[in-house]
Amino acid sequence: MPQMKEKIIEKANDMFLNLGFKSVTMDDLASEMGISKKTIYAHFQNKTKLVEATTNHLFCVINEGISGILEEKKDPIEELYAIKAFVMHHLKDEKTSPQYQLQKYYPKIHLALKIKQFGVFQNCVIENLKRGIDNGVFRDNINVEFISRIYFIGMTGIKDKEMFPVQGFPIRKLMEDYLEYHIRGIATEKGLKILNNLIKQS
């Protein structure tokens, strides 16, 4: 990727996550970077193309990071907490609900991203659940396919700002509560001990 194109994507990613996909204009981006709008349009036909490139870039960064965590072969419950921390760091705590703005103003990009996320998420979670069963931290009678899907639906659902307004449900707390809810539903006594220790440490 040419250097300027990469710089535009990185700066746009930062601004979109901090200020929102709708809020940031091409003028704002050009001004922030100290370049002309013409330079941006030389690489991206319009804002939609830039949003698409930016979300794909972020997807790849998060995907690579999660793959790195999976390679460490941590305890399955610790692994879920490590992934949550990594994702929260890269999503800037979602201060401006970028996911919500993406869904509202760029529905096609949002849907394509959701399908890609589901594919990756599904593989990670199924692998995590199976290893948890093998390690004796998750119950061996759970339906892995069902749990992996219901977990994805929940993770997507808690980002709905109409259901969970930021004032009452800060995203960091929401993610922690949902992760605990997920683990408590499937953990064995051994798993609950690990979970309770992780909660004490956080």
Protein backbone atom coordinates (compact mmCIF):
# COMPACT_ATOMS: atom_id res chain seq x y z
CA MET A 1 0.00 0.00 0.00
CA PRO A 2 1.47 3.42 -0.94
CA GLN A 3 2.65 5.34 2.10
CA MET A 4 0.22 8.29 1.75
CA LYS A 5 -2.76 5.96 1.34
CA GLU A 6 -1.70 4.13 4.50
CA LYS A 7 -1.32 7.41 6.42
CA ILE A 8 -4.79 8.55 5.34
CA ILE A 9 -6.34 5.24 6.48
CA GLU A 10 -4.56 5.37 9.85
CA LYS A 11 -5.58 8.98 10.54
CA ALA A 12 -9.15 8.38 9.32
CA ASN A 13 -9.37 5.29 11.54
CA ASP A 14 -8.28 7.31 14.56
CA MET A 15 -10.72 10.14 13.83
CA PHE A 16 -13.66 7.87 12.97
CA LEU A 17 -13.28 5.93 16.23
CA ASN A 18 -12.86 9.05 18.35
CA LEU A 19 -15.44 11.28 16.67
CA GLY A 20 -17.72 8.94 14.71
CA PHE A 21 -18.06 7.89 11.06
CA LYS A 22 -20.79 10.44 10.29
CA SER A 23 -19.20 13.34 12.18
CA VAL A 24 -15.81 13.34 10.42
CA THR A 25 -15.81 15.03 7.00
CA MET A 26 -13.18 14.82 4.26
CA ASP A 27 -12.41 18.50 5.07
CA ASP A 28 -11.77 17.58 8.72
CA LEU A 29 -9.43 14.78 7.69
CA ALA A 30 -7.52 16.94 5.17
CA SER A 31 -7.19 19.75 7.73
CA GLU A 32 -6.01 17.37 10.48
CA MET A 33 -3.40 15.85 8.16
CA GLY A 34 -2.27 19.15 6.67
CA ILE A 35 -2.97 17.93 3.13
CA SER A 36 -5.47 18.94 0.45
CA LYS A 37 -8.78 17.18 -0.08
CA LYS A 38 -7.56 16.50 -3.62
CA THR A 39 -4.81 14.28 -2.19
CA ILE A 40 -7.39 12.21 -0.30
CA TYR A 41 -9.61 11.92 -3.41
CA ALA A 42 -6.59 10.74 -5.42
CA HIS A 43 -6.61 7.61 -3.23
CA PHE A 44 -10.31 7.33 -2.34
CA GLN A 45 -13.10 8.11 -4.79
CA ASN A 46 -15.45 9.23 -1.99
CA LYS A 47 -16.00 9.03 1.76
CA THR A 48 -17.81 5.68 1.49
CA LYS A 49 -14.70 4.12 -0.12
CA LEU A 50 -12.57 5.59 2.68
CA VAL A 51 -14.92 4.23 5.37
CA GLU A 52 -14.78 0.81 3.70
CA ALA A 53 -10.95 0.83 3.54
CA THR A 54 -10.72 2.00 7.15
CA THR A 55 -13.08 -0.64 8.55
CA ASN A 56 -11.24 -3.36 6.56
CA HIS A 57 -7.91 -2.10 7.95
CA LEU A 58 -9.24 -2.18 11.53
CA PHE A 59 -10.72 -5.65 10.98
CA CYS A 60 -7.28 -6.92 9.85
CA VAL A 61 -5.47 -5.28 12.80
CA ILE A 62 -7.92 -6.81 15.31
CA ASN A 63 -7.89 -10.17 13.53
CA GLU A 64 -4.07 -10.33 13.65
CA GLY A 65 -4.04 -9.36 17.32
CA ILE A 66 -6.61 -12.01 18.23
CA SER A 67 -4.64 -14.63 16.25
CA GLY A 68 -1.55 -13.70 18.29
CA ILE A 69 -3.48 -14.17 21.56
CA LEU A 70 -4.84 -17.55 20.38
CA GLU A 71 -1.31 -18.73 19.56
CA GLU A 72 -0.31 -18.19 23.21
CA LYS A 73 -2.70 -21.03 24.17
CA LYS A 74 -3.69 -19.40 27.45
CA ASP A 75 -6.30 -20.89 29.76
CA PRO A 76 -9.58 -20.53 27.75
CA ILE A 77 -11.15 -18.14 30.29
CA GLU A 78 -8.01 -16.00 30.53
CA GLU A 79 -7.92 -16.00 26.71
CA LEU A 80 -11.42 -14.47 26.52
CA TYR A 81 -10.37 -11.70 28.94
CA ALA A 82 -7.17 -11.03 26.96
CA ILE A 83 -9.16 -10.75 23.70
CA LYS A 84 -11.66 -8.38 25.34
CA ALA A 85 -8.83 -6.13 26.59
CA PHE A 86 -7.16 -6.10 23.15
CA VAL A 87 -10.39 -5.27 21.29
CA MET A 88 -11.34 -2.52 23.76
CA HIS A 89 -7.90 -0.93 23.32
CA HIS A 90 -8.27 -0.83 19.53
CA LEU A 91 -11.86 0.38 19.54
CA LYS A 92 -10.94 3.35 21.80
CA ASP A 93 -13.70 2.25 24.20
CA GLU A 94 -16.19 3.21 21.47
CA LYS A 95 -16.72 6.66 23.01
CA THR A 96 -18.76 7.85 20.03
CA SER A 97 -20.51 4.57 19.19
CA PRO A 98 -18.78 4.23 15.80
CA GLN A 99 -20.39 0.81 15.30
CA TYR A 100 -23.84 2.38 15.68
CA GLN A 101 -22.99 5.21 13.25
CA LEU A 102 -21.58 2.70 10.78
CA GLN A 103 -24.79 0.66 10.90
CA LYS A 104 -26.98 3.75 10.54
CA TYR A 105 -25.13 5.65 7.79
CA TYR A 106 -23.18 2.89 5.99
CA PRO A 107 -25.46 -0.18 6.29
CA LYS A 108 -23.87 -2.12 3.40
CA ILE A 109 -20.36 -1.75 4.83
CA HIS A 110 -21.67 -2.64 8.29
CA LEU A 111 -23.37 -5.80 7.02
CA ALA A 112 -20.30 -6.94 5.04
CA LEU A 113 -18.13 -6.35 8.12
CA LYS A 114 -20.57 -8.23 10.37
CA ILE A 115 -20.46 -11.28 8.05
CA LYS A 116 -16.63 -11.23 8.08
CA GLN A 117 -16.58 -10.77 11.87
CA PHE A 118 -18.97 -13.70 12.32
CA GLY A 119 -16.70 -16.02 10.30
CA VAL A 120 -13.63 -15.18 12.38
CA PHE A 121 -15.52 -14.95 15.68
CA GLN A 122 -17.19 -18.31 15.12
CA ASN A 123 -13.87 -20.13 14.58
CA CYS A 124 -12.23 -18.48 17.62
CA VAL A 125 -15.14 -19.11 19.97
CA ILE A 126 -15.70 -22.72 18.89
CA GLU A 127 -11.99 -23.45 19.37
CA ASN A 128 -12.09 -21.70 22.76
CA LEU A 129 -15.19 -23.63 23.88
CA LYS A 130 -13.77 -27.00 22.82
CA ARG A 131 -10.48 -26.34 24.59
CA GLY A 132 -12.40 -25.18 27.67
CA ILE A 133 -14.32 -28.47 27.71
CA ASP A 134 -11.07 -30.45 27.29
CA ASN A 135 -9.45 -28.46 30.14
CA GLY A 136 -12.44 -29.01 32.41
CA VAL A 137 -13.26 -25.28 32.78
CA PHE A 138 -16.44 -25.43 30.62
CA ARG A 139 -19.20 -28.02 31.04
CA ASP A 140 -18.95 -30.96 28.63
CA ASN A 141 -22.71 -31.03 27.93
CA ILE A 142 -22.92 -27.57 26.28
CA ASN A 143 -23.98 -27.21 22.63
CA VAL A 144 -20.87 -25.56 21.16
CA GLU A 145 -22.57 -24.39 17.92
CA PHE A 146 -25.45 -22.81 19.86
CA ILE A 147 -23.22 -21.12 22.47
CA SER A 148 -20.86 -19.68 19.83
CA ARG A 149 -23.78 -18.14 17.94
CA ILE A 150 -25.64 -16.81 20.97
CA TYR A 151 -22.38 -15.27 22.22
CA PHE A 152 -21.89 -13.47 18.87
CA ILE A 153 -25.50 -12.22 18.89
CA GLY A 154 -25.01 -10.92 22.42
CA MET A 155 -21.69 -9.22 21.62
CA THR A 156 -23.34 -7.53 18.64
CA GLY A 157 -26.52 -6.74 20.59
CA ILE A 158 -24.85 -4.92 23.47
CA LYS A 159 -23.57 -2.34 20.94
CA ASP A 160 -27.16 -1.21 20.31
CA LYS A 161 -27.23 2.26 21.87
CA GLU A 162 -31.02 2.36 21.99
CA MET A 163 -31.08 -0.76 24.16
CA PHE A 164 -27.94 0.16 26.12
CA PRO A 165 -27.55 3.97 26.27
CA VAL A 166 -23.95 4.98 27.04
CA GLN A 167 -25.03 7.05 30.07
CA GLY A 168 -26.26 3.97 31.92
CA PHE A 169 -24.09 1.35 30.26
CA PRO A 170 -20.48 2.42 29.55
CA ILE A 171 -19.08 0.04 26.90
CA ARG A 172 -16.16 -1.19 29.03
CA LYS A 173 -18.50 -2.20 31.89
CA LEU A 174 -21.00 -3.65 29.43
CA MET A 175 -18.31 -5.86 27.84
CA GLU A 176 -17.12 -7.02 31.27
CA ASP A 177 -20.63 -7.82 32.47
CA TYR A 178 -21.49 -9.69 29.27
CA LEU A 179 -18.28 -11.72 29.31
CA GLU A 180 -18.90 -12.70 32.93
CA TYR A 181 -22.51 -13.61 32.07
CA HIS A 182 -21.29 -15.80 29.15
CA ILE A 183 -18.68 -17.64 31.23
CA ARG A 184 -20.94 -18.18 34.28
CA GLY A 185 -23.48 -19.88 32.00
CA ILE A 186 -21.01 -22.53 30.80
CA ALA A 187 -18.28 -22.81 33.46
CA THR A 188 -17.57 -25.77 35.75
CA GLU A 189 -16.53 -25.28 39.41
CA LYS A 190 -12.92 -25.21 38.22
CA GLY A 191 -13.79 -22.55 35.63
CA LEU A 192 -15.66 -20.42 38.16
CA LYS A 193 -12.58 -20.31 40.41
CA ILE A 194 -10.49 -18.97 37.49
CA LEU A 195 -13.24 -16.47 36.60
CA ASN A 196 -13.55 -15.18 40.18
CA ASN A 197 -9.78 -14.69 40.40
CA LEU A 198 -9.77 -12.73 37.12
CA ILE A 199 -12.63 -10.53 38.36
CA LYS A 200 -10.74 -9.80 41.59
CA GLN A 201 -7.65 -8.78 39.59
CA SER A 202 -9.51 -6.44 37.22
